[in-house]
Protein backbone atom coordinates (compact mmCIF):
# COMPACT_ATOMS: atom_id res chain seq x y z
CA UNK A 1 0.00 0.00 0.00
CA UNK A 2 1.40 3.39 -0.97
CA UNK A 3 1.91 6.05 1.65
CA UNK A 4 -0.69 8.76 1.56
CA UNK A 5 0.50 12.26 0.89
CA UNK A 6 -0.95 15.31 2.48
CA UNK A 7 -0.94 18.63 0.69
CA UNK A 8 1.51 21.19 2.00
CA UNK A 9 1.26 24.94 2.06
CA UNK A 10 4.03 26.05 -0.31
CA UNK A 11 3.21 29.74 -0.14
CA UNK A 12 6.15 30.46 2.13
CA UNK A 13 8.60 28.75 -0.21
CA UNK A 14 7.56 31.04 -3.07
CA UNK A 15 8.54 34.01 -0.90
CA UNK A 16 12.16 32.89 -1.09
CA UNK A 17 12.26 33.89 -4.76
CA UNK A 18 11.41 37.51 -4.01
CA UNK A 19 14.05 40.20 -4.38
CA UNK A 20 13.99 40.85 -0.63
CA UNK A 21 15.06 37.31 0.18
CA UNK A 22 17.48 37.04 -2.73
CA UNK A 23 19.19 40.19 -1.42
CA UNK A 24 19.34 38.65 2.07
CA UNK A 25 20.95 35.48 0.71
CA UNK A 26 23.45 37.53 -1.29
CA UNK A 27 24.34 39.64 1.75
CA UNK A 28 24.71 36.55 3.93
CA UNK A 29 27.08 35.01 1.38
CA UNK A 30 29.14 38.19 1.26
CA UNK A 31 29.40 38.29 5.06
CA UNK A 32 30.47 34.63 5.16
CA UNK A 33 33.10 35.28 2.48
CA UNK A 34 34.43 38.24 4.44
CA UNK A 35 34.52 36.30 7.72
CA UNK A 36 36.41 33.40 6.13
CA UNK A 37 38.74 35.46 3.94
CA UNK A 38 41.43 35.76 6.62
CA UNK A 39 41.95 32.01 6.44
CA UNK A 40 42.86 32.07 2.75
CA UNK A 41 42.36 29.26 0.30
CA UNK A 42 42.29 25.63 1.46
CA UNK A 43 45.73 24.01 1.65
CA UNK A 44 44.42 20.52 0.95
CA UNK A 45 41.75 19.04 -1.26
CA UNK A 46 38.51 17.64 0.09
CA UNK A 47 39.75 14.13 -0.71
CA UNK A 48 42.94 14.73 1.31
CA UNK A 49 40.89 16.07 4.22
CA UNK A 50 38.64 13.01 4.18
CA UNK A 51 41.65 10.68 4.08
CA UNK A 52 43.25 12.52 7.02
CA UNK A 53 40.03 12.25 9.04
CA UNK A 54 39.75 8.55 8.23
CA UNK A 55 43.29 8.04 9.59
CA UNK A 56 42.65 10.05 12.78
CA UNK A 57 39.13 8.98 13.74
CA UNK A 58 38.37 5.61 15.34
CA UNK A 59 37.17 2.86 12.96
CA UNK A 60 33.45 3.11 12.27
CA UNK A 61 33.22 6.66 13.66
CA UNK A 62 30.91 8.89 11.62
CA UNK A 63 31.73 12.57 11.95
CA UNK A 64 28.39 13.46 10.36
CA UNK A 65 26.44 11.40 12.89
CA UNK A 66 28.50 12.88 15.73
CA UNK A 67 27.80 16.45 14.62
CA UNK A 68 24.09 15.73 14.23
CA UNK A 69 23.89 14.15 17.70
CA UNK A 70 25.74 17.08 19.26
CA UNK A 71 23.51 19.58 17.51
CA UNK A 72 20.36 17.79 18.66
CA UNK A 73 21.69 17.59 22.22
CA UNK A 74 22.22 21.36 22.23
CA UNK A 75 18.54 22.05 21.54
């Protein structure tokens, strides 16, 4: 039996396409770029970072799951 779907109000999602919100997203991106600019460009690739984490973390440890658990615990 297929799961039943309930209609959702998508009116709020459409608001995100308005100029007001697009300007907010642009400004937020600019602020993030400015805040991170002092750190410069990455010195290693994403693949190298993942390999380094795999070497340092205990076997079977999921950094993603850890971050999600910590975030939920902080609520």
